[in-house]
Each structure stands twice: as C-alpha cells, then as structure tokens.
Amino acid sequence: MEEALRLTGELGIPVYLNRYLKRANSIEEYVSDLGNIFQNERFAGFDIYEFAHVSRPTPNASELVPVEDRLEQIREKAKTLGIR
C-alpha cells in the first residue's frame, strides 16, 4: 500500500479509502478508520460504502431509517473532524 500511495501522490491521483462497513470488526473500528484517513494527507477521502448497513428507506421510500446507531456514530465522528 505504501508504494501505491507514493506513486499516486507523485502522479497527483486522488485516493479514497473504500471501507466496507460489514467487514469492519465494529462500527467503532469503522469510524476510527474515517478519522485516520481524514488526518492522512495522502488520501483524498473516505467512501461510506454499503450504505444499506447504515440506513435504509421506509417501505414507501419517503425517509431513511438508521440501522442501529451507525449513522449517528459516523455523523458524530464527522463533527469531531470538522466535516459538515
């Protein structure tokens, strides 16, 4: 990974971490990774992937319903990082 980050940096190619929520050991690990990527200038961003594990639409698709407290934990981490 270090070599890939070095090369993409040299070439000016933005790199985003695509982190699978379901593959993380916990939501705490997931939001920790979000913080680590945010603070690492070699990354351009963090892709919140598998959104269905974070929030789902109601049957009539009029609103989103959080899955457990995952959306709130991601939102809180974003606030602490200054992400709006």
PDB file of N, CA and C in Angstrom:
ATOM      1  N   MET A   1       0.819  -1.183   0.000  1.00  0.00           N
ATOM      2  CA  MET A   1       0.000   0.000   0.000  1.00  0.00           C
ATOM      3  C   MET A   1       0.868   1.255   0.000  1.00  0.00           C
ATOM      4  N   GLU A   2       1.956   1.230   0.727  1.00  0.00           N
ATOM      5  CA  GLU A   2       2.825   2.412   0.791  1.00  0.00           C
ATOM      6  C   GLU A   2       3.332   2.811  -0.588  1.00  0.00           C
ATOM      7  N   GLU A   3       3.733   1.822  -1.383  1.00  0.00           N
ATOM      8  CA  GLU A   3       4.226   2.115  -2.730  1.00  0.00           C
ATOM      9  C   GLU A   3       3.115   2.709  -3.598  1.00  0.00           C
ATOM     10  N   ALA A   4       1.914   2.176  -3.487  1.00  0.00           N
ATOM     11  CA  ALA A   4       0.784   2.701  -4.262  1.00  0.00           C
ATOM     12  C   ALA A   4       0.483   4.140  -3.853  1.00  0.00           C
ATOM     13  N   LEU A   5       0.507   4.427  -2.562  1.00  0.00           N
ATOM     14  CA  LEU A   5       0.253   5.795  -2.101  1.00  0.00           C
ATOM     15  C   LEU A   5       1.352   6.746  -2.558  1.00  0.00           C
ATOM     16  N   ARG A   6       2.591   6.281  -2.559  1.00  0.00           N
ATOM     17  CA  ARG A   6       3.701   7.119  -3.031  1.00  0.00           C
ATOM     18  C   ARG A   6       3.516   7.447  -4.501  1.00  0.00           C
ATOM     19  N   LEU A   7       3.226   6.427  -5.306  1.00  0.00           N
ATOM     20  CA  LEU A   7       3.087   6.616  -6.746  1.00  0.00           C
ATOM     21  C   LEU A   7       1.886   7.498  -7.083  1.00  0.00           C
ATOM     22  N   THR A   8       0.745   7.249  -6.437  1.00  0.00           N
ATOM     23  CA  THR A   8      -0.424   8.088  -6.726  1.00  0.00           C
ATOM     24  C   THR A   8      -0.170   9.527  -6.301  1.00  0.00           C
ATOM     25  N   GLY A   9       0.585   9.700  -5.218  1.00  0.00           N
ATOM     26  CA  GLY A   9       0.941  11.055  -4.796  1.00  0.00           C
ATOM     27  C   GLY A   9       1.814  11.748  -5.823  1.00  0.00           C
ATOM     28  N   GLU A  10       2.807  11.036  -6.339  1.00  0.00           N
ATOM     29  CA  GLU A  10       3.694  11.599  -7.359  1.00  0.00           C
ATOM     30  C   GLU A  10       2.924  11.963  -8.629  1.00  0.00           C
ATOM     31  N   LEU A  11       1.926  11.151  -8.971  1.00  0.00           N
ATOM     32  CA  LEU A  11       1.159  11.373 -10.200  1.00  0.00           C
ATOM     33  C   LEU A  11      -0.039  12.299 -10.001  1.00  0.00           C
ATOM     34  N   GLY A  12      -0.293  12.684  -8.756  1.00  0.00           N
ATOM     35  CA  GLY A  12      -1.420  13.577  -8.479  1.00  0.00           C
ATOM     36  C   GLY A  12      -2.777  12.896  -8.616  1.00  0.00           C
ATOM     37  N   ILE A  13      -2.814  11.599  -8.373  1.00  0.00           N
ATOM     38  CA  ILE A  13      -4.065  10.843  -8.476  1.00  0.00           C
ATOM     39  C   ILE A  13      -4.695  10.761  -7.086  1.00  0.00           C
ATOM     40  N   PRO A  14      -5.935  11.229  -6.938  1.00  0.00           N
ATOM     41  CA  PRO A  14      -6.574  11.161  -5.621  1.00  0.00           C
ATOM     42  C   PRO A  14      -6.904   9.721  -5.233  1.00  0.00           C
ATOM     43  N   VAL A  15      -6.734   9.416  -3.956  1.00  0.00           N
ATOM     44  CA  VAL A  15      -7.005   8.076  -3.440  1.00  0.00           C
ATOM     45  C   VAL A  15      -8.067   8.183  -2.349  1.00  0.00           C
ATOM     46  N   TYR A  16      -9.081   7.353  -2.474  1.00  0.00           N
ATOM     47  CA  TYR A  16     -10.157   7.287  -1.490  1.00  0.00           C
ATOM     48  C   TYR A  16     -10.162   5.890  -0.878  1.00  0.00           C
ATOM     49  N   LEU A  17     -10.360   5.817   0.431  1.00  0.00           N
ATOM     50  CA  LEU A  17     -10.491   4.515   1.061  1.00  0.00           C
ATOM     51  C   LEU A  17     -11.942   4.073   0.933  1.00  0.00           C
ATOM     52  N   ASN A  18     -12.144   2.920   0.348  1.00  0.00           N
ATOM     53  CA  ASN A  18     -13.467   2.324   0.218  1.00  0.00           C
ATOM     54  C   ASN A  18     -13.557   1.263   1.300  1.00  0.00           C
ATOM     55  N   ARG A  19     -14.129   1.621   2.420  1.00  0.00           N
ATOM     56  CA  ARG A  19     -14.171   0.739   3.590  1.00  0.00           C
ATOM     57  C   ARG A  19     -15.534   0.070   3.672  1.00  0.00           C
ATOM     58  N   TYR A  20     -15.540  -1.244   3.642  1.00  0.00           N
ATOM     59  CA  TYR A  20     -16.776  -1.997   3.757  1.00  0.00           C
ATOM     60  C   TYR A  20     -17.201  -2.045   5.219  1.00  0.00           C
ATOM     61  N   LEU A  21     -18.344  -1.487   5.516  1.00  0.00           N
ATOM     62  CA  LEU A  21     -18.818  -1.457   6.893  1.00  0.00           C
ATOM     63  C   LEU A  21     -19.026  -2.858   7.442  1.00  0.00           C
ATOM     64  N   LYS A  22     -19.594  -3.719   6.659  1.00  0.00           N
ATOM     65  CA  LYS A  22     -19.885  -5.064   7.156  1.00  0.00           C
ATOM     66  C   LYS A  22     -18.603  -5.863   7.435  1.00  0.00           C
ATOM     67  N   ARG A  23     -17.507  -5.525   6.785  1.00  0.00           N
ATOM     68  CA  ARG A  23     -16.244  -6.248   7.015  1.00  0.00           C
ATOM     69  C   ARG A  23     -15.454  -5.698   8.195  1.00  0.00           C
ATOM     70  N   ALA A  24     -15.808  -4.518   8.677  1.00  0.00           N
ATOM     71  CA  ALA A  24     -15.140  -3.967   9.860  1.00  0.00           C
ATOM     72  C   ALA A  24     -15.527  -4.809  11.071  1.00  0.00           C
ATOM     73  N   ASN A  25     -14.636  -4.890  12.025  1.00  0.00           N
ATOM     74  CA  ASN A  25     -14.946  -5.639  13.238  1.00  0.00           C
ATOM     75  C   ASN A  25     -16.064  -4.991  14.029  1.00  0.00           C
ATOM     76  N   SER A  26     -16.158  -3.668  13.942  1.00  0.00           N
ATOM     77  CA  SER A  26     -17.179  -2.930  14.690  1.00  0.00           C
ATOM     78  C   SER A  26     -17.360  -1.558  14.057  1.00  0.00           C
ATOM     79  N   ILE A  27     -18.447  -0.903  14.413  1.00  0.00           N
ATOM     80  CA  ILE A  27     -18.663   0.464  13.942  1.00  0.00           C
ATOM     81  C   ILE A  27     -17.582   1.378  14.512  1.00  0.00           C
ATOM     82  N   GLU A  28     -17.079   1.055  15.699  1.00  0.00           N
ATOM     83  CA  GLU A  28     -16.000   1.852  16.299  1.00  0.00           C
ATOM     84  C   GLU A  28     -14.745   1.793  15.435  1.00  0.00           C
ATOM     85  N   GLU A  29     -14.425   0.608  14.904  1.00  0.00           N
ATOM     86  CA  GLU A  29     -13.272   0.477  14.002  1.00  0.00           C
ATOM     87  C   GLU A  29     -13.503   1.284  12.727  1.00  0.00           C
ATOM     88  N   TYR A  30     -14.717   1.238  12.232  1.00  0.00           N
ATOM     89  CA  TYR A  30     -15.069   1.950  11.008  1.00  0.00           C
ATOM     90  C   TYR A  30     -14.875   3.458  11.180  1.00  0.00           C
ATOM     91  N   VAL A  31     -15.421   4.029  12.252  1.00  0.00           N
ATOM     92  CA  VAL A  31     -15.277   5.474  12.448  1.00  0.00           C
ATOM     93  C   VAL A  31     -13.841   5.844  12.801  1.00  0.00           C
ATOM     94  N   SER A  32     -13.115   4.929  13.421  1.00  0.00           N
ATOM     95  CA  SER A  32     -11.693   5.174  13.679  1.00  0.00           C
ATOM     96  C   SER A  32     -10.935   5.284  12.353  1.00  0.00           C
ATOM     97  N   ASP A  33     -11.246   4.390  11.420  1.00  0.00           N
ATOM     98  CA  ASP A  33     -10.622   4.454  10.091  1.00  0.00           C
ATOM     99  C   ASP A  33     -10.967   5.762   9.392  1.00  0.00           C
ATOM    100  N   LEU A  34     -12.210   6.215   9.540  1.00  0.00           N
ATOM    101  CA  LEU A  34     -12.612   7.505   8.965  1.00  0.00           C
ATOM    102  C   LEU A  34     -11.719   8.618   9.490  1.00  0.00           C
ATOM    103  N   GLY A  35     -11.484   8.618  10.796  1.00  0.00           N
ATOM    104  CA  GLY A  35     -10.614   9.632  11.399  1.00  0.00           C
ATOM    105  C   GLY A  35      -9.182   9.527  10.918  1.00  0.00           C
ATOM    106  N   ASN A  36      -8.673   8.314  10.817  1.00  0.00           N
ATOM    107  CA  ASN A  36      -7.288   8.116  10.369  1.00  0.00           C
ATOM    108  C   ASN A  36      -7.098   8.590   8.932  1.00  0.00           C
ATOM    109  N   ILE A  37      -8.053   8.292   8.076  1.00  0.00           N
ATOM    110  CA  ILE A  37      -7.962   8.701   6.671  1.00  0.00           C
ATOM    111  C   ILE A  37      -8.072  10.218   6.558  1.00  0.00           C
ATOM    112  N   PHE A  38      -8.967  10.806   7.335  1.00  0.00           N
ATOM    113  CA  PHE A  38      -9.148  12.255   7.296  1.00  0.00           C
ATOM    114  C   PHE A  38      -7.860  12.982   7.663  1.00  0.00           C
ATOM    115  N   GLN A  39      -7.101  12.416   8.571  1.00  0.00           N
ATOM    116  CA  GLN A  39      -5.874  13.050   9.046  1.00  0.00           C
ATOM    117  C   GLN A  39      -4.646  12.685   8.204  1.00  0.00           C
ATOM    118  N   ASN A  40      -4.819  11.804   7.224  1.00  0.00           N
ATOM    119  CA  ASN A  40      -3.702  11.367   6.384  1.00  0.00           C
ATOM    120  C   ASN A  40      -3.792  12.093   5.038  1.00  0.00           C
ATOM    121  N   GLU A  41      -2.892  13.025   4.810  1.00  0.00           N
ATOM    122  CA  GLU A  41      -2.959  13.867   3.610  1.00  0.00           C
ATOM    123  C   GLU A  41      -2.771  13.087   2.304  1.00  0.00           C
ATOM    124  N   ARG A  42      -2.341  11.840   2.385  1.00  0.00           N
ATOM    125  CA  ARG A  42      -2.183  11.044   1.168  1.00  0.00           C
ATOM    126  C   ARG A  42      -3.524  10.555   0.621  1.00  0.00           C
ATOM    127  N   PHE A  43      -4.571  10.675   1.424  1.00  0.00           N
ATOM    128  CA  PHE A  43      -5.900  10.257   0.996  1.00  0.00           C
ATOM    129  C   PHE A  43      -6.764  11.471   0.692  1.00  0.00           C
ATOM    130  N   ALA A  44      -7.558  11.359  -0.373  1.00  0.00           N
ATOM    131  CA  ALA A  44      -8.469  12.437  -0.750  1.00  0.00           C
ATOM    132  C   ALA A  44      -9.821  12.304  -0.064  1.00  0.00           C
ATOM    133  N   GLY A  45     -10.120  11.120   0.464  1.00  0.00           N
ATOM    134  CA  GLY A  45     -11.401  10.960   1.134  1.00  0.00           C
ATOM    135  C   GLY A  45     -11.687   9.535   1.552  1.00  0.00           C
ATOM    136  N   PHE A  46     -12.889   9.372   2.087  1.00  0.00           N
ATOM    137  CA  PHE A  46     -13.350   8.113   2.652  1.00  0.00           C
ATOM    138  C   PHE A  46     -14.718   7.823   2.055  1.00  0.00           C
ATOM    139  N   ASP A  47     -14.869   6.681   1.438  1.00  0.00           N
ATOM    140  CA  ASP A  47     -16.117   6.296   0.786  1.00  0.00           C
ATOM    141  C   ASP A  47     -16.969   5.499   1.769  1.00  0.00           C
ATOM    142  N   ILE A  48     -18.111   6.060   2.159  1.00  0.00           N
ATOM    143  CA  ILE A  48     -19.025   5.323   3.032  1.00  0.00           C
ATOM    144  C   ILE A  48     -19.775   4.348   2.140  1.00  0.00           C
ATOM    145  N   TYR A  49     -19.272   3.134   2.126  1.00  0.00           N
ATOM    146  CA  TYR A  49     -19.765   2.105   1.220  1.00  0.00           C
ATOM    147  C   TYR A  49     -20.737   1.200   1.967  1.00  0.00           C
ATOM    148  N   GLU A  50     -21.561   0.515   1.216  1.00  0.00           N
ATOM    149  CA  GLU A  50     -22.589  -0.364   1.780  1.00  0.00           C
ATOM    150  C   GLU A  50     -23.537   0.434   2.671  1.00  0.00           C
ATOM    151  N   PHE A  51     -24.072   1.508   2.133  1.00  0.00           N
ATOM    152  CA  PHE A  51     -24.924   2.398   2.921  1.00  0.00           C
ATOM    153  C   PHE A  51     -26.133   1.664   3.498  1.00  0.00           C
ATOM    154  N   ALA A  52     -26.535   0.564   2.892  1.00  0.00           N
ATOM    155  CA  ALA A  52     -27.668  -0.207   3.415  1.00  0.00           C
ATOM    156  C   ALA A  52     -27.382  -0.751   4.804  1.00  0.00           C
ATOM    157  N   HIS A  53     -26.112  -0.813   5.201  1.00  0.00           N
ATOM    158  CA  HIS A  53     -25.769  -1.243   6.557  1.00  0.00           C
ATOM    159  C   HIS A  53     -25.760  -0.062   7.519  1.00  0.00           C
ATOM    160  N   VAL A  54     -25.998   1.138   6.991  1.00  0.00           N
ATOM    161  CA  VAL A  54     -26.026   2.348   7.805  1.00  0.00           C
ATOM    162  C   VAL A  54     -27.452   2.867   7.949  1.00  0.00           C
ATOM    163  N   SER A  55     -28.195   2.883   6.845  1.00  0.00           N
ATOM    164  CA  SER A  55     -29.553   3.411   6.829  1.00  0.00           C
ATOM    165  C   SER A  55     -30.318   2.803   5.664  1.00  0.00           C
ATOM    166  N   ARG A  56     -31.627   2.643   5.853  1.00  0.00           N
ATOM    167  CA  ARG A  56     -32.465   2.045   4.806  1.00  0.00           C
ATOM    168  C   ARG A  56     -33.725   2.872   4.626  1.00  0.00           C
ATOM    169  N   PRO A  57     -34.308   2.826   3.428  1.00  0.00           N
ATOM    170  CA  PRO A  57     -35.552   3.579   3.211  1.00  0.00           C
ATOM    171  C   PRO A  57     -36.748   2.887   3.856  1.00  0.00           C
ATOM    172  N   THR A  58     -37.735   3.690   4.205  1.00  0.00           N
ATOM    173  CA  THR A  58     -39.001   3.123   4.662  1.00  0.00           C
ATOM    174  C   THR A  58     -39.670   2.452   3.465  1.00  0.00           C
ATOM    175  N   PRO A  59     -40.671   1.607   3.703  1.00  0.00           N
ATOM    176  CA  PRO A  59     -41.330   0.912   2.586  1.00  0.00           C
ATOM    177  C   PRO A  59     -41.849   1.831   1.483  1.00  0.00           C
ATOM    178  N   ASN A  60     -42.302   3.028   1.842  1.00  0.00           N
ATOM    179  CA  ASN A  60     -42.782   3.949   0.806  1.00  0.00           C
ATOM    180  C   ASN A  60     -41.682   4.887   0.303  1.00  0.00           C
ATOM    181  N   ALA A  61     -40.462   4.666   0.754  1.00  0.00           N
ATOM    182  CA  ALA A  61     -39.274   5.427   0.329  1.00  0.00           C
ATOM    183  C   ALA A  61     -39.375   6.919   0.630  1.00  0.00           C
ATOM    184  N   SER A  62     -40.133   7.265   1.657  1.00  0.00           N
ATOM    185  CA  SER A  62     -40.289   8.682   1.986  1.00  0.00           C
ATOM    186  C   SER A  62     -39.219   9.201   2.938  1.00  0.00           C
ATOM    187  N   GLU A  63     -38.528   8.294   3.617  1.00  0.00           N
ATOM    188  CA  GLU A  63     -37.463   8.715   4.526  1.00  0.00           C
ATOM    189  C   GLU A  63     -36.498   7.565   4.773  1.00  0.00           C
ATOM    190  N   LEU A  64     -35.364   7.905   5.381  1.00  0.00           N
ATOM    191  CA  LEU A  64     -34.367   6.898   5.736  1.00  0.00           C
ATOM    192  C   LEU A  64     -34.477   6.561   7.214  1.00  0.00           C
ATOM    193  N   VAL A  65     -34.289   5.287   7.515  1.00  0.00           N
ATOM    194  CA  VAL A  65     -34.323   4.811   8.893  1.00  0.00           C
ATOM    195  C   VAL A  65     -32.935   4.267   9.228  1.00  0.00           C
ATOM    196  N   PRO A  66     -32.295   4.796  10.269  1.00  0.00           N
ATOM    197  CA  PRO A  66     -30.960   4.314  10.636  1.00  0.00           C
ATOM    198  C   PRO A  66     -30.955   2.840  11.018  1.00  0.00           C
ATOM    199  N   VAL A  67     -29.875   2.159  10.704  1.00  0.00           N
ATOM    200  CA  VAL A  67     -29.637   0.787  11.145  1.00  0.00           C
ATOM    201  C   VAL A  67     -28.789   0.892  12.402  1.00  0.00           C
ATOM    202  N   GLU A  68     -29.343   0.411  13.516  1.00  0.00           N
ATOM    203  CA  GLU A  68     -28.699   0.535  14.814  1.00  0.00           C
ATOM    204  C   GLU A  68     -28.325   1.997  15.027  1.00  0.00           C
ATOM    205  N   ASP A  69     -27.156   2.295  15.551  1.00  0.00           N
ATOM    206  CA  ASP A  69     -26.744   3.689  15.753  1.00  0.00           C
ATOM    207  C   ASP A  69     -25.565   4.051  14.850  1.00  0.00           C
ATOM    208  N   ARG A  70     -25.400   3.309  13.770  1.00  0.00           N
ATOM    209  CA  ARG A  70     -24.231   3.503  12.902  1.00  0.00           C
ATOM    210  C   ARG A  70     -24.192   4.885  12.261  1.00  0.00           C
ATOM    211  N   LEU A  71     -25.316   5.339  11.738  1.00  0.00           N
ATOM    212  CA  LEU A  71     -25.347   6.647  11.093  1.00  0.00           C
ATOM    213  C   LEU A  71     -24.995   7.745  12.091  1.00  0.00           C
ATOM    214  N   GLU A  72     -25.525   7.634  13.298  1.00  0.00           N
ATOM    215  CA  GLU A  72     -25.235   8.630  14.324  1.00  0.00           C
ATOM    216  C   GLU A  72     -23.751   8.616  14.701  1.00  0.00           C
ATOM    217  N   GLN A  73     -23.147   7.453  14.790  1.00  0.00           N
ATOM    218  CA  GLN A  73     -21.718   7.384  15.123  1.00  0.00           C
ATOM    219  C   GLN A  73     -20.862   7.983  14.013  1.00  0.00           C
ATOM    220  N   ILE A  74     -21.222   7.725  12.761  1.00  0.00           N
ATOM    221  CA  ILE A  74     -20.490   8.328  11.638  1.00  0.00           C
ATOM    222  C   ILE A  74     -20.670   9.842  11.657  1.00  0.00           C
ATOM    223  N   ARG A  75     -21.899  10.282  11.903  1.00  0.00           N
ATOM    224  CA  ARG A  75     -22.186  11.722  11.968  1.00  0.00           C
ATOM    225  C   ARG A  75     -21.384  12.392  13.086  1.00  0.00           C
ATOM    226  N   GLU A  76     -21.338  11.767  14.258  1.00  0.00           N
ATOM    227  CA  GLU A  76     -20.588  12.332  15.386  1.00  0.00           C
ATOM    228  C   GLU A  76     -19.094  12.402  15.077  1.00  0.00           C
ATOM    229  N   LYS A  77     -18.554  11.357  14.450  1.00  0.00           N
ATOM    230  CA  LYS A  77     -17.125  11.371  14.095  1.00  0.00           C
ATOM    231  C   LYS A  77     -16.859  12.487  13.087  1.00  0.00           C
ATOM    232  N   ALA A  78     -17.751  12.638  12.121  1.00  0.00           N
ATOM    233  CA  ALA A  78     -17.588  13.705  11.126  1.00  0.00           C
ATOM    234  C   ALA A  78     -17.584  15.071  11.810  1.00  0.00           C
ATOM    235  N   LYS A  79     -18.454  15.266  12.791  1.00  0.00           N
ATOM    236  CA  LYS A  79     -18.493  16.537  13.521  1.00  0.00           C
ATOM    237  C   LYS A  79     -17.184  16.799  14.243  1.00  0.00           C
ATOM    238  N   THR A  80     -16.625  15.759  14.902  1.00  0.00           N
ATOM    239  CA  THR A  80     -15.368  15.964  15.630  1.00  0.00           C
ATOM    240  C   THR A  80     -14.220  16.283  14.687  1.00  0.00           C
ATOM    241  N   LEU A  81     -14.333  15.823  13.429  1.00  0.00           N
ATOM    242  CA  LEU A  81     -13.297  16.103  12.439  1.00  0.00           C
ATOM    243  C   LEU A  81     -13.520  17.420  11.711  1.00  0.00           C
ATOM    244  N   GLY A  82     -14.659  18.053  11.967  1.00  0.00           N
ATOM    245  CA  GLY A  82     -14.956  19.320  11.306  1.00  0.00           C
ATOM    246  C   GLY A  82     -15.565  19.147   9.927  1.00  0.00           C
ATOM    247  N   ILE A  83     -16.090  17.955   9.651  1.00  0.00           N
ATOM    248  CA  ILE A  83     -16.750  17.685   8.374  1.00  0.00           C
ATOM    249  C   ILE A  83     -18.223  18.025   8.543  1.00  0.00           C
ATOM    250  N   ARG A  84     -18.759  18.766   7.612  1.00  0.00           N
ATOM    251  CA  ARG A  84     -20.186  19.127   7.708  1.00  0.00           C
ATOM    252  C   ARG A  84     -21.032  18.222   6.888  1.00  0.00           C
TER     253      ARG A  84
END
